[in-house]
Structures are given as structure tokens and as C-alpha cells.
Full PDB file with SEQRES, HELIX, SHEET, SSBOND, CRYST1, ORIGX, SCALE, CONECT and MASTER records, all heavy atoms in Angstrom:
SEQRES   1 A   43  LEU ARG LEU LEU GLU ASN ASP GLU SER PHE ASN ALA SER          
SEQRES   2 A   43  PHE LYS LYS LYS PHE GLY GLU ASP ILE LEU MET LYS GLY          
SEQRES   3 A   43  SER ILE ARG GLY ASN LEU ASN LYS ALA ARG ASN ASP LEU          
SEQRES   4 A   43  ALA GLN TYR GLY                                              
HELIX    1 AA1 ARG A    2  GLU A    5  1                                   4    
HELIX    2 AA2 GLU A    8  PHE A   18  1                                  11    
HELIX    3 AA3 ILE A   22  MET A   24  5                                   3    
HELIX    4 AA4 GLY A   26  GLN A   41  1                                  16    
CRYST1    1.000    1.000    1.000  90.00  90.00  90.00 P 1           1          
ORIGX1      1.000000  0.000000  0.000000        0.00000                         
ORIGX2      0.000000  1.000000  0.000000        0.00000                         
ORIGX3      0.000000  0.000000  1.000000        0.00000                         
SCALE1      1.000000  0.000000  0.000000        0.00000                         
SCALE2      0.000000  1.000000  0.000000        0.00000                         
SCALE3      0.000000  0.000000  1.000000        0.00000                         
ATOM      1  N   LEU A   1      96.228 104.573 120.969  1.00  0.00           N  
ATOM      2  CA  LEU A   1      96.581 105.978 120.565  1.00  0.00           C  
ATOM      3  C   LEU A   1      95.476 106.819 120.780  1.00  0.00           C  
ATOM      4  O   LEU A   1      95.621 108.115 121.206  1.00  0.00           O  
ATOM      5  CB  LEU A   1      96.971 106.022 119.199  1.00  0.00           C  
ATOM      6  CG  LEU A   1      98.346 105.578 118.802  1.00  0.00           C  
ATOM      7  CD1 LEU A   1      98.549 105.205 117.276  1.00  0.00           C  
ATOM      8  CD2 LEU A   1      99.433 106.548 119.178  1.00  0.00           C  
ATOM      9  N   ARG A   2      94.244 106.384 120.447  1.00  0.00           N  
ATOM     10  CA  ARG A   2      93.112 107.253 120.473  1.00  0.00           C  
ATOM     11  C   ARG A   2      92.627 107.455 122.061  1.00  0.00           C  
ATOM     12  O   ARG A   2      92.162 108.560 122.350  1.00  0.00           O  
ATOM     13  CB  ARG A   2      91.887 106.685 119.744  1.00  0.00           C  
ATOM     14  CG  ARG A   2      92.235 106.665 118.260  1.00  0.00           C  
ATOM     15  CD  ARG A   2      92.130 108.107 117.588  1.00  0.00           C  
ATOM     16  NE  ARG A   2      93.291 108.796 117.833  1.00  0.00           N  
ATOM     17  CZ  ARG A   2      94.405 108.811 117.143  1.00  0.00           C  
ATOM     18  NH1 ARG A   2      94.529 107.840 116.224  1.00  0.00           N  
ATOM     19  NH2 ARG A   2      95.437 109.525 117.276  1.00  0.00           N  
ATOM     20  N   LEU A   3      92.740 106.356 122.759  1.00  0.00           N  
ATOM     21  CA  LEU A   3      92.291 106.514 124.144  1.00  0.00           C  
ATOM     22  C   LEU A   3      93.322 107.483 124.955  1.00  0.00           C  
ATOM     23  O   LEU A   3      92.819 108.245 125.859  1.00  0.00           O  
ATOM     24  CB  LEU A   3      92.388 105.006 124.875  1.00  0.00           C  
ATOM     25  CG  LEU A   3      91.282 104.140 124.500  1.00  0.00           C  
ATOM     26  CD1 LEU A   3      91.523 102.814 125.028  1.00  0.00           C  
ATOM     27  CD2 LEU A   3      89.893 104.672 124.892  1.00  0.00           C  
ATOM     28  N   LEU A   4      94.537 107.491 124.628  1.00  0.00           N  
ATOM     29  CA  LEU A   4      95.438 108.443 125.227  1.00  0.00           C  
ATOM     30  C   LEU A   4      95.037 109.887 124.866  1.00  0.00           C  
ATOM     31  O   LEU A   4      95.383 110.820 125.632  1.00  0.00           O  
ATOM     32  CB  LEU A   4      96.825 108.207 124.797  1.00  0.00           C  
ATOM     33  CG  LEU A   4      97.504 106.876 125.422  1.00  0.00           C  
ATOM     34  CD1 LEU A   4      98.772 106.639 124.744  1.00  0.00           C  
ATOM     35  CD2 LEU A   4      97.764 107.177 126.987  1.00  0.00           C  
ATOM     36  N   GLU A   5      94.370 110.109 123.744  1.00  0.00           N  
ATOM     37  CA  GLU A   5      93.929 111.355 123.171  1.00  0.00           C  
ATOM     38  C   GLU A   5      92.846 111.946 124.207  1.00  0.00           C  
ATOM     39  O   GLU A   5      92.642 112.993 124.391  1.00  0.00           O  
ATOM     40  CB  GLU A   5      93.473 111.239 121.895  1.00  0.00           C  
ATOM     41  CG  GLU A   5      92.879 112.576 121.179  1.00  0.00           C  
ATOM     42  CD  GLU A   5      92.289 112.319 119.844  1.00  0.00           C  
ATOM     43  OE1 GLU A   5      92.510 111.126 119.409  1.00  0.00           O  
ATOM     44  OE2 GLU A   5      91.569 113.171 119.459  1.00  0.00           O  
ATOM     45  N   ASN A   6      91.999 110.856 124.832  1.00  0.00           N  
ATOM     46  CA  ASN A   6      91.006 111.189 125.798  1.00  0.00           C  
ATOM     47  C   ASN A   6      89.886 111.914 125.033  1.00  0.00           C  
ATOM     48  O   ASN A   6      89.380 112.996 125.759  1.00  0.00           O  
ATOM     49  CB  ASN A   6      91.565 111.886 126.972  1.00  0.00           C  
ATOM     50  CG  ASN A   6      90.579 111.781 128.152  1.00  0.00           C  
ATOM     51  OD1 ASN A   6      89.734 110.886 128.129  1.00  0.00           O  
ATOM     52  ND2 ASN A   6      90.685 112.686 129.141  1.00  0.00           N  
ATOM     53  N   ASP A   7      89.618 111.715 123.741  1.00  0.00           N  
ATOM     54  CA  ASP A   7      88.567 112.340 123.105  1.00  0.00           C  
ATOM     55  C   ASP A   7      87.219 111.745 123.589  1.00  0.00           C  
ATOM     56  O   ASP A   7      86.918 110.626 123.435  1.00  0.00           O  
ATOM     57  CB  ASP A   7      88.697 112.152 121.557  1.00  0.00           C  
ATOM     58  CG  ASP A   7      87.583 112.885 120.894  1.00  0.00           C  
ATOM     59  OD1 ASP A   7      87.499 113.979 120.815  1.00  0.00           O  
ATOM     60  OD2 ASP A   7      86.766 112.153 120.292  1.00  0.00           O  
ATOM     61  N   GLU A   8      86.331 112.627 123.962  1.00  0.00           N  
ATOM     62  CA  GLU A   8      85.057 112.215 124.557  1.00  0.00           C  
ATOM     63  C   GLU A   8      84.119 111.393 123.540  1.00  0.00           C  
ATOM     64  O   GLU A   8      83.556 110.394 123.950  1.00  0.00           O  
ATOM     65  CB  GLU A   8      84.249 113.450 125.081  1.00  0.00           C  
ATOM     66  CG  GLU A   8      84.910 114.144 126.332  1.00  0.00           C  
ATOM     67  CD  GLU A   8      83.824 115.166 126.727  1.00  0.00           C  
ATOM     68  OE1 GLU A   8      82.752 115.359 126.229  1.00  0.00           O  
ATOM     69  OE2 GLU A   8      84.301 115.920 127.792  1.00  0.00           O  
ATOM     70  N   SER A   9      84.266 111.828 122.236  1.00  0.00           N  
ATOM     71  CA  SER A   9      83.365 111.074 121.282  1.00  0.00           C  
ATOM     72  C   SER A   9      83.896 109.719 120.980  1.00  0.00           C  
ATOM     73  O   SER A   9      83.143 108.865 120.881  1.00  0.00           O  
ATOM     74  CB  SER A   9      83.377 111.925 119.945  1.00  0.00           C  
ATOM     75  OG  SER A   9      84.566 112.058 119.371  1.00  0.00           O  
ATOM     76  N   PHE A  10      85.271 109.651 120.922  1.00  0.00           N  
ATOM     77  CA  PHE A  10      85.910 108.277 120.697  1.00  0.00           C  
ATOM     78  C   PHE A  10      85.674 107.404 122.034  1.00  0.00           C  
ATOM     79  O   PHE A  10      85.309 106.275 121.800  1.00  0.00           O  
ATOM     80  CB  PHE A  10      87.349 108.454 120.475  1.00  0.00           C  
ATOM     81  CG  PHE A  10      87.989 107.115 120.157  1.00  0.00           C  
ATOM     82  CD1 PHE A  10      87.975 106.534 118.922  1.00  0.00           C  
ATOM     83  CD2 PHE A  10      88.641 106.473 121.126  1.00  0.00           C  
ATOM     84  CE1 PHE A  10      88.548 105.346 118.659  1.00  0.00           C  
ATOM     85  CE2 PHE A  10      89.200 105.136 121.051  1.00  0.00           C  
ATOM     86  CZ  PHE A  10      89.110 104.600 119.594  1.00  0.00           C  
ATOM     87  N   ASN A  11      85.787 107.829 123.209  1.00  0.00           N  
ATOM     88  CA  ASN A  11      85.587 107.182 124.338  1.00  0.00           C  
ATOM     89  C   ASN A  11      84.155 106.665 124.424  1.00  0.00           C  
ATOM     90  O   ASN A  11      83.877 105.502 124.780  1.00  0.00           O  
ATOM     91  CB  ASN A  11      85.945 108.067 125.674  1.00  0.00           C  
ATOM     92  CG  ASN A  11      87.299 108.273 125.710  1.00  0.00           C  
ATOM     93  OD1 ASN A  11      88.220 107.710 125.086  1.00  0.00           O  
ATOM     94  ND2 ASN A  11      87.844 109.114 126.772  1.00  0.00           N  
ATOM     95  N   ALA A  12      83.203 107.516 123.993  1.00  0.00           N  
ATOM     96  CA  ALA A  12      81.795 107.154 124.042  1.00  0.00           C  
ATOM     97  C   ALA A  12      81.506 105.902 123.036  1.00  0.00           C  
ATOM     98  O   ALA A  12      80.857 104.902 123.303  1.00  0.00           O  
ATOM     99  CB  ALA A  12      80.867 108.351 123.658  1.00  0.00           C  
ATOM    100  N   SER A  13      82.185 106.057 121.722  1.00  0.00           N  
ATOM    101  CA  SER A  13      81.971 105.099 120.839  1.00  0.00           C  
ATOM    102  C   SER A  13      82.679 103.756 121.236  1.00  0.00           C  
ATOM    103  O   SER A  13      82.144 102.614 120.980  1.00  0.00           O  
ATOM    104  CB  SER A  13      82.562 105.501 119.465  1.00  0.00           C  
ATOM    105  OG  SER A  13      81.968 106.726 119.043  1.00  0.00           O  
ATOM    106  N   PHE A  14      83.865 103.852 121.965  1.00  0.00           N  
ATOM    107  CA  PHE A  14      84.554 102.700 122.326  1.00  0.00           C  
ATOM    108  C   PHE A  14      83.704 101.960 123.457  1.00  0.00           C  
ATOM    109  O   PHE A  14      83.671 100.743 123.392  1.00  0.00           O  
ATOM    110  CB  PHE A  14      85.824 103.177 122.892  1.00  0.00           C  
ATOM    111  CG  PHE A  14      86.816 102.149 123.338  1.00  0.00           C  
ATOM    112  CD1 PHE A  14      87.649 101.468 122.354  1.00  0.00           C  
ATOM    113  CD2 PHE A  14      86.993 101.717 124.614  1.00  0.00           C  
ATOM    114  CE1 PHE A  14      88.515 100.536 122.714  1.00  0.00           C  
ATOM    115  CE2 PHE A  14      87.884 100.576 125.002  1.00  0.00           C  
ATOM    116  CZ  PHE A  14      88.620 100.069 124.041  1.00  0.00           C  
ATOM    117  N   LYS A  15      83.165 102.689 124.298  1.00  0.00           N  
ATOM    118  CA  LYS A  15      82.400 101.988 125.376  1.00  0.00           C  
ATOM    119  C   LYS A  15      81.022 101.358 124.956  1.00  0.00           C  
ATOM    120  O   LYS A  15      80.559 100.364 125.262  1.00  0.00           O  
ATOM    121  CB  LYS A  15      82.045 103.044 126.434  1.00  0.00           C  
ATOM    122  CG  LYS A  15      83.243 103.368 127.342  1.00  0.00           C  
ATOM    123  CD  LYS A  15      82.862 104.289 128.535  1.00  0.00           C  
ATOM    124  CE  LYS A  15      82.428 105.659 128.144  1.00  0.00           C  
ATOM    125  NZ  LYS A  15      82.287 106.396 129.249  1.00  0.00           N  
ATOM    126  N   LYS A  16      80.524 102.000 123.836  1.00  0.00           N  
ATOM    127  CA  LYS A  16      79.424 101.548 123.162  1.00  0.00           C  
ATOM    128  C   LYS A  16      79.524 100.174 122.463  1.00  0.00           C  
ATOM    129  O   LYS A  16      78.832  99.315 122.513  1.00  0.00           O  
ATOM    130  CB  LYS A  16      78.752 102.578 122.205  1.00  0.00           C  
ATOM    131  CG  LYS A  16      77.479 102.069 121.514  1.00  0.00           C  
ATOM    132  CD  LYS A  16      76.922 103.250 120.547  1.00  0.00           C  
ATOM    133  CE  LYS A  16      75.624 102.866 119.949  1.00  0.00           C  
ATOM    134  NZ  LYS A  16      75.055 103.769 119.020  1.00  0.00           N  
ATOM    135  N   LYS A  17      80.730  99.963 121.968  1.00  0.00           N  
ATOM    136  CA  LYS A  17      81.125  98.887 121.235  1.00  0.00           C  
ATOM    137  C   LYS A  17      81.552  97.746 122.124  1.00  0.00           C  
ATOM    138  O   LYS A  17      81.127  96.561 122.033  1.00  0.00           O  
ATOM    139  CB  LYS A  17      82.337  99.160 120.199  1.00  0.00           C  
ATOM    140  CG  LYS A  17      82.892  98.003 119.568  1.00  0.00           C  
ATOM    141  CD  LYS A  17      81.974  97.350 118.530  1.00  0.00           C  
ATOM    142  CE  LYS A  17      82.606  96.107 117.777  1.00  0.00           C  
ATOM    143  NZ  LYS A  17      81.684  95.530 116.881  1.00  0.00           N  
ATOM    144  N   PHE A  18      82.267  98.097 123.193  1.00  0.00           N  
ATOM    145  CA  PHE A  18      83.021  96.987 124.091  1.00  0.00           C  
ATOM    146  C   PHE A  18      82.376  96.932 125.447  1.00  0.00           C  
ATOM    147  O   PHE A  18      82.869  96.112 126.224  1.00  0.00           O  
ATOM    148  CB  PHE A  18      84.463  97.254 124.077  1.00  0.00           C  
ATOM    149  CG  PHE A  18      85.153  97.187 122.749  1.00  0.00           C  
ATOM    150  CD1 PHE A  18      85.684  98.333 122.164  1.00  0.00           C  
ATOM    151  CD2 PHE A  18      85.135  95.980 122.013  1.00  0.00           C  
ATOM    152  CE1 PHE A  18      86.386  98.335 120.923  1.00  0.00           C  
ATOM    153  CE2 PHE A  18      85.776  96.000 120.793  1.00  0.00           C  
ATOM    154  CZ  PHE A  18      86.378  97.116 120.270  1.00  0.00           C  
ATOM    155  N   GLY A  19      81.462  97.874 125.772  1.00  0.00           N  
ATOM    156  CA  GLY A  19      80.729  97.777 127.101  1.00  0.00           C  
ATOM    157  C   GLY A  19      80.987  99.058 127.847  1.00  0.00           C  
ATOM    158  O   GLY A  19      82.153  99.625 127.921  1.00  0.00           O  
ATOM    159  N   GLU A  20      79.997  99.578 128.482  1.00  0.00           N  
ATOM    160  CA  GLU A  20      80.086 100.889 129.219  1.00  0.00           C  
ATOM    161  C   GLU A  20      81.168 100.941 130.259  1.00  0.00           C  
ATOM    162  O   GLU A  20      81.639 101.849 130.620  1.00  0.00           O  
ATOM    163  CB  GLU A  20      78.726 101.249 129.779  1.00  0.00           C  
ATOM    164  CG  GLU A  20      77.681 101.572 128.733  1.00  0.00           C  
ATOM    165  CD  GLU A  20      78.035 102.754 127.984  1.00  0.00           C  
ATOM    166  OE1 GLU A  20      78.619 103.812 128.506  1.00  0.00           O  
ATOM    167  OE2 GLU A  20      77.595 102.944 126.797  1.00  0.00           O  
ATOM    168  N   ASP A  21      81.461  99.781 130.818  1.00  0.00           N  
ATOM    169  CA  ASP A  21      82.455  99.715 131.985  1.00  0.00           C  
ATOM    170  C   ASP A  21      83.918  99.307 131.502  1.00  0.00           C  
ATOM    171  O   ASP A  21      84.654  99.075 132.345  1.00  0.00           O  
ATOM    172  CB  ASP A  21      81.980  98.749 133.155  1.00  0.00           C  
ATOM    173  CG  ASP A  21      81.898  97.287 132.530  1.00  0.00           C  
ATOM    174  OD1 ASP A  21      81.833  97.072 131.301  1.00  0.00           O  
ATOM    175  OD2 ASP A  21      81.924  96.330 133.375  1.00  0.00           O  
ATOM    176  N   ILE A  22      84.008  99.249 130.129  1.00  0.00           N  
ATOM    177  CA  ILE A  22      85.368  98.757 129.682  1.00  0.00           C  
ATOM    178  C   ILE A  22      86.504  99.553 130.219  1.00  0.00           C  
ATOM    179  O   ILE A  22      87.577  99.110 130.547  1.00  0.00           O  
ATOM    180  CB  ILE A  22      85.292  98.728 128.169  1.00  0.00           C  
ATOM    181  CG1 ILE A  22      86.583  98.152 127.677  1.00  0.00           C  
ATOM    182  CG2 ILE A  22      85.019 100.028 127.697  1.00  0.00           C  
ATOM    183  CD1 ILE A  22      86.838  96.721 127.836  1.00  0.00           C  
ATOM    184  N   LEU A  23      86.274 100.895 130.252  1.00  0.00           N  
ATOM    185  CA  LEU A  23      87.474 101.787 130.622  1.00  0.00           C  
ATOM    186  C   LEU A  23      87.583 101.893 132.163  1.00  0.00           C  
ATOM    187  O   LEU A  23      88.457 102.512 132.751  1.00  0.00           O  
ATOM    188  CB  LEU A  23      87.153 103.220 130.101  1.00  0.00           C  
ATOM    189  CG  LEU A  23      87.215 103.413 128.514  1.00  0.00           C  
ATOM    190  CD1 LEU A  23      86.989 104.778 128.092  1.00  0.00           C  
ATOM    191  CD2 LEU A  23      88.645 102.855 128.001  1.00  0.00           C  
ATOM    192  N   MET A  24      86.647 101.305 132.862  1.00  0.00           N  
ATOM    193  CA  MET A  24      86.720 101.196 134.399  1.00  0.00           C  
ATOM    194  C   MET A  24      87.420  99.922 134.941  1.00  0.00           C  
ATOM    195  O   MET A  24      87.586  99.733 136.051  1.00  0.00           O  
ATOM    196  CB  MET A  24      85.313 101.342 134.954  1.00  0.00           C  
ATOM    197  CG  MET A  24      84.623 102.718 134.613  1.00  0.00           C  
ATOM    198  SD  MET A  24      85.697 104.113 135.190  1.00  0.00           S  
ATOM    199  CE  MET A  24      85.723 103.862 136.898  1.00  0.00           C  
ATOM    200  N   LYS A  25      87.734  98.987 134.001  1.00  0.00           N  
ATOM    201  CA  LYS A  25      88.399  97.718 134.358  1.00  0.00           C  
ATOM    202  C   LYS A  25      89.729  98.134 134.934  1.00  0.00           C  
ATOM    203  O   LYS A  25      90.447  98.997 134.494  1.00  0.00           O  
ATOM    204  CB  LYS A  25      88.565  96.811 133.124  1.00  0.00           C  
ATOM    205  CG  LYS A  25      87.208  96.148 132.723  1.00  0.00           C  
ATOM    206  CD  LYS A  25      87.477  95.044 131.775  1.00  0.00           C  
ATOM    207  CE  LYS A  25      86.112  94.264 131.462  1.00  0.00           C  
ATOM    208  NZ  LYS A  25      86.407  93.155 130.387  1.00  0.00           N  
ATOM    209  N   GLY A  26      90.096  97.290 135.993  1.00  0.00           N  
ATOM    210  CA  GLY A  26      91.383  97.762 136.642  1.00  0.00           C  
ATOM    211  C   GLY A  26      92.552  97.852 135.866  1.00  0.00           C  
ATOM    212  O   GLY A  26      93.216  98.842 135.950  1.00  0.00           O  
ATOM    213  N   SER A  27      92.897  96.840 135.028  1.00  0.00           N  
ATOM    214  CA  SER A  27      94.215  96.916 134.250  1.00  0.00           C  
ATOM    215  C   SER A  27      94.173  98.115 133.198  1.00  0.00           C  
ATOM    216  O   SER A  27      95.099  98.764 133.086  1.00  0.00           O  
ATOM    217  CB  SER A  27      94.427  95.652 133.587  1.00  0.00           C  
ATOM    218  OG  SER A  27      93.303  95.265 132.651  1.00  0.00           O  
ATOM    219  N   ILE A  28      92.906  98.133 132.595  1.00  0.00           N  
ATOM    220  CA  ILE A  28      92.867  99.242 131.605  1.00  0.00           C  
ATOM    221  C   ILE A  28      93.004 100.610 132.162  1.00  0.00           C  
ATOM    222  O   ILE A  28      93.613 101.493 131.885  1.00  0.00           O  
ATOM    223  CB  ILE A  28      91.579  99.118 130.690  1.00  0.00           C  
ATOM    224  CG1 ILE A  28      91.608  97.667 129.875  1.00  0.00           C  
ATOM    225  CG2 ILE A  28      91.394 100.249 129.888  1.00  0.00           C  
ATOM    226  CD1 ILE A  28      90.346  97.486 129.090  1.00  0.00           C  
ATOM    227  N   ARG A  29      92.071 100.795 133.241  1.00  0.00           N  
ATOM    228  CA  ARG A  29      92.004 102.214 133.871  1.00  0.00           C  
ATOM    229  C   ARG A  29      93.384 102.517 134.599  1.00  0.00           C  
ATOM    230  O   ARG A  29      93.867 103.615 134.269  1.00  0.00           O  
ATOM    231  CB  ARG A  29      90.981 102.110 134.928  1.00  0.00           C  
ATOM    232  CG  ARG A  29      90.839 103.463 135.721  1.00  0.00           C  
ATOM    233  CD  ARG A  29      89.722 103.462 136.817  1.00  0.00           C  
ATOM    234  NE  ARG A  29      90.078 102.380 137.754  1.00  0.00           N  
ATOM    235  CZ  ARG A  29      89.299 102.090 138.731  1.00  0.00           C  
ATOM    236  NH1 ARG A  29      88.107 102.778 138.970  1.00  0.00           N  
ATOM    237  NH2 ARG A  29      89.614 101.172 139.638  1.00  0.00           N  
ATOM    238  N   GLY A  30      94.018 101.542 135.201  1.00  0.00           N  
ATOM    239  CA  GLY A  30      95.312 101.717 135.799  1.00  0.00           C  
ATOM    240  C   GLY A  30      96.387 101.992 134.780  1.00  0.00           C  
ATOM    241  O   GLY A  30      97.182 103.114 134.936  1.00  0.00           O  
ATOM    242  N   ASN A  31      96.533 101.304 133.749  1.00  0.00           N  
ATOM    243  CA  ASN A  31      97.584 101.520 132.828  1.00  0.00           C  
ATOM    244  C   ASN A  31      97.366 102.795 131.964  1.00  0.00           C  
ATOM    245  O   ASN A  31      98.241 103.557 131.559  1.00  0.00           O  
ATOM    246  CB  ASN A  31      97.611 100.357 131.842  1.00  0.00           C  
ATOM    247  CG  ASN A  31      98.270  99.101 132.290  1.00  0.00           C  
ATOM    248  OD1 ASN A  31      98.266  98.816 133.534  1.00  0.00           O  
ATOM    249  ND2 ASN A  31      99.096  98.390 131.550  1.00  0.00           N  
ATOM    250  N   LEU A  32      96.034 103.072 131.703  1.00  0.00           N  
ATOM    251  CA  LEU A  32      95.659 104.347 130.968  1.00  0.00           C  
ATOM    252  C   LEU A  32      95.986 105.567 131.830  1.00  0.00           C  
ATOM    253  O   LEU A  32      96.646 106.370 131.320  1.00  0.00           O  
ATOM    254  CB  LEU A  32      94.185 104.315 130.643  1.00  0.00           C  
ATOM    255  CG  LEU A  32      93.768 105.428 129.608  1.00  0.00           C  
ATOM    256  CD1 LEU A  32      94.435 105.417 128.286  1.00  0.00           C  
ATOM    257  CD2 LEU A  32      92.318 105.240 129.329  1.00  0.00           C  
ATOM    258  N   ASN A  33      95.722 105.616 133.073  1.00  0.00           N  
ATOM    259  CA  ASN A  33      95.984 106.730 133.899  1.00  0.00           C  
ATOM    260  C   ASN A  33      97.518 106.911 134.104  1.00  0.00           C  
ATOM    261  O   ASN A  33      98.130 107.995 133.987  1.00  0.00           O  
ATOM    262  CB  ASN A  33      95.244 106.528 135.183  1.00  0.00           C  
ATOM    263  CG  ASN A  33      93.879 106.641 135.244  1.00  0.00           C  
ATOM    264  OD1 ASN A  33      93.468 107.391 134.383  1.00  0.00           O  
ATOM    265  ND2 ASN A  33      93.141 106.108 136.271  1.00  0.00           N  
ATOM    266  N   LYS A  34      98.201 105.811 134.248  1.00  0.00           N  
ATOM    267  CA  LYS A  34      99.662 105.802 134.333  1.00  0.00           C  
ATOM    268  C   LYS A  34     100.261 106.426 133.140  1.00  0.00           C  
ATOM    269  O   LYS A  34     101.273 107.173 133.142  1.00  0.00           O  
ATOM    270  CB  LYS A  34     100.310 104.449 134.643  1.00  0.00           C  
ATOM    271  CG  LYS A  34     101.831 104.477 134.913  1.00  0.00           C  
ATOM    272  CD  LYS A  34     102.355 103.045 135.271  1.00  0.00           C  
ATOM    273  CE  LYS A  34     103.767 103.170 135.673  1.00  0.00           C  
ATOM    274  NZ  LYS A  34     104.602 103.717 134.647  1.00  0.00           N  
ATOM    275  N   ALA A  35      99.827 105.855 131.910  1.00  0.00           N  
ATOM    276  CA  ALA A  35     100.340 106.397 130.619  1.00  0.00           C  
ATOM    277  C   ALA A  35     100.118 107.848 130.397  1.00  0.00           C  
ATOM    278  O   ALA A  35     101.012 108.578 129.977  1.00  0.00           O  
ATOM    279  CB  ALA A  35      99.776 105.507 129.438  1.00  0.00           C  
ATOM    280  N   ARG A  36      98.954 108.399 130.835  1.00  0.00           N  
ATOM    281  CA  ARG A  36      98.627 109.812 130.741  1.00  0.00           C  
ATOM    282  C   ARG A  36      99.629 110.518 131.571  1.00  0.00           C  
ATOM    283  O   ARG A  36     100.093 111.570 131.193  1.00  0.00           O  
ATOM    284  CB  ARG A  36      97.291 110.005 131.041  1.00  0.00           C  
ATOM    285  CG  ARG A  36      96.187 109.553 129.802  1.00  0.00           C  
ATOM    286  CD  ARG A  36      94.856 109.645 130.239  1.00  0.00           C  
ATOM    287  NE  ARG A  36      93.950 109.125 129.147  1.00  0.00           N  
ATOM    288  CZ  ARG A  36      92.572 108.909 129.396  1.00  0.00           C  
ATOM    289  NH1 ARG A  36      92.095 109.087 130.623  1.00  0.00           N  
ATOM    290  NH2 ARG A  36      91.844 108.485 128.348  1.00  0.00           N  
ATOM    291  N   ASN A  37      99.841 110.085 132.796  1.00  0.00           N  
ATOM    292  CA  ASN A  37     100.710 110.699 133.822  1.00  0.00           C  
ATOM    293  C   ASN A  37     101.979 110.901 133.261  1.00  0.00           C  
ATOM    294  O   ASN A  37     102.705 111.829 133.365  1.00  0.00           O  
ATOM    295  CB  ASN A  37     100.601 110.203 135.028  1.00  0.00           C  
ATOM    296  CG  ASN A  37      99.207 110.364 135.847  1.00  0.00           C  
ATOM    297  OD1 ASN A  37      98.537 111.457 135.520  1.00  0.00           O  
ATOM    298  ND2 ASN A  37      98.856 109.436 136.726  1.00  0.00           N  
ATOM    299  N   ASP A  38     102.538 109.799 132.660  1.00  0.00           N  
ATOM    300  CA  ASP A  38     103.821 109.685 132.067  1.00  0.00           C  
ATOM    301  C   ASP A  38     103.920 110.736 130.962  1.00  0.00           C  
ATOM    302  O   ASP A  38     105.053 111.437 130.846  1.00  0.00           O  
ATOM    303  CB  ASP A  38     104.236 108.438 131.622  1.00  0.00           C  
ATOM    304  CG  ASP A  38     104.428 107.331 132.683  1.00  0.00           C  
ATOM    305  OD1 ASP A  38     104.527 107.735 133.818  1.00  0.00           O  
ATOM    306  OD2 ASP A  38     104.361 106.020 132.399  1.00  0.00           O  
ATOM    307  N   LEU A  39     102.912 110.744 130.075  1.00  0.00           N  
ATOM    308  CA  LEU A  39     103.038 111.815 129.009  1.00  0.00           C  
ATOM    309  C   LEU A  39     102.962 113.231 129.580  1.00  0.00           C  
ATOM    310  O   LEU A  39     103.807 114.140 129.070  1.00  0.00           O  
ATOM    311  CB  LEU A  39     101.800 111.626 128.167  1.00  0.00           C  
ATOM    312  CG  LEU A  39     101.705 110.360 127.149  1.00  0.00           C  
ATOM    313  CD1 LEU A  39     100.388 110.199 126.597  1.00  0.00           C  
ATOM    314  CD2 LEU A  39     102.821 110.311 126.206  1.00  0.00           C  
ATOM    315  N   ALA A  40     102.241 113.380 130.674  1.00  0.00           N  
ATOM    316  CA  ALA A  40     102.137 114.781 131.220  1.00  0.00           C  
ATOM    317  C   ALA A  40     103.514 115.286 131.804  1.00  0.00           C  
ATOM    318  O   ALA A  40     103.767 116.415 131.783  1.00  0.00           O  
ATOM    319  CB  ALA A  40     101.072 114.822 132.281  1.00  0.00           C  
ATOM    320  N   GLN A  41     104.205 114.181 132.295  1.00  0.00           N  
ATOM    321  CA  GLN A  41     105.521 114.686 132.941  1.00  0.00           C  
ATOM    322  C   GLN A  41     106.530 115.264 131.899  1.00  0.00           C  
ATOM    323  O   GLN A  41     107.429 116.000 132.128  1.00  0.00           O  
ATOM    324  CB  GLN A  41     106.151 113.438 133.529  1.00  0.00           C  
ATOM    325  CG  GLN A  41     105.447 112.905 134.835  1.00  0.00           C  
ATOM    326  CD  GLN A  41     106.149 111.819 135.542  1.00  0.00           C  
ATOM    327  OE1 GLN A  41     107.201 111.220 134.992  1.00  0.00           O  
ATOM    328  NE2 GLN A  41     105.571 111.373 136.562  1.00  0.00           N  
ATOM    329  N   TYR A  42     106.304 114.886 130.581  1.00  0.00           N  
ATOM    330  CA  TYR A  42     107.136 115.320 129.421  1.00  0.00           C  
ATOM    331  C   TYR A  42     106.381 116.484 128.748  1.00  0.00           C  
ATOM    332  O   TYR A  42     106.798 116.772 127.587  1.00  0.00           O  
ATOM    333  CB  TYR A  42     107.490 114.293 128.503  1.00  0.00           C  
ATOM    334  CG  TYR A  42     108.422 113.224 129.109  1.00  0.00           C  
ATOM    335  CD1 TYR A  42     107.896 112.134 129.743  1.00  0.00           C  
ATOM    336  CD2 TYR A  42     109.836 113.419 128.998  1.00  0.00           C  
ATOM    337  CE1 TYR A  42     108.810 111.064 130.319  1.00  0.00           C  
ATOM    338  CE2 TYR A  42     110.655 112.533 129.527  1.00  0.00           C  
ATOM    339  CZ  TYR A  42     110.191 111.381 130.225  1.00  0.00           C  
ATOM    340  OH  TYR A  42     111.021 110.448 130.715  1.00  0.00           O  
ATOM    341  N   GLY A  43     105.461 117.038 129.376  1.00  0.00           N  
ATOM    342  CA  GLY A  43     104.775 118.208 128.708  1.00  0.00           C  
ATOM    343  C   GLY A  43     103.727 117.749 127.712  1.00  0.00           C  
ATOM    344  O   GLY A  43     103.186 118.648 126.956  1.00  0.00           O  
TER     345      GLY A  43                                                      
MASTER        0    0    0    4    0    0    0    6  344    1    0    4          
END                                                                             
């Protein structure tokens, strides 16, 4: 829920806890981008 919000402070804390490259992993990055695009299609 929070990653979809794309809040910079949360993303920074998330990466600090789980690794700076965590959001660049293929499955996470791909699913996250697709989910955000799906949300954008519905405004």
C-alpha cells in the first residue's frame, strides 16, 4: 500500500531497511510499475 503511494520518505526508509537496490529488483520493479499504471488508467 505504501509503495504504491510512492512517498519518497517511505521509499528511502524501505530501502535503508531491506537494501538500496530492493526496489530495482526485476519482479518488484516490474509489478510495482504495472500496478501504478493500472491505477493511473482509473484516474
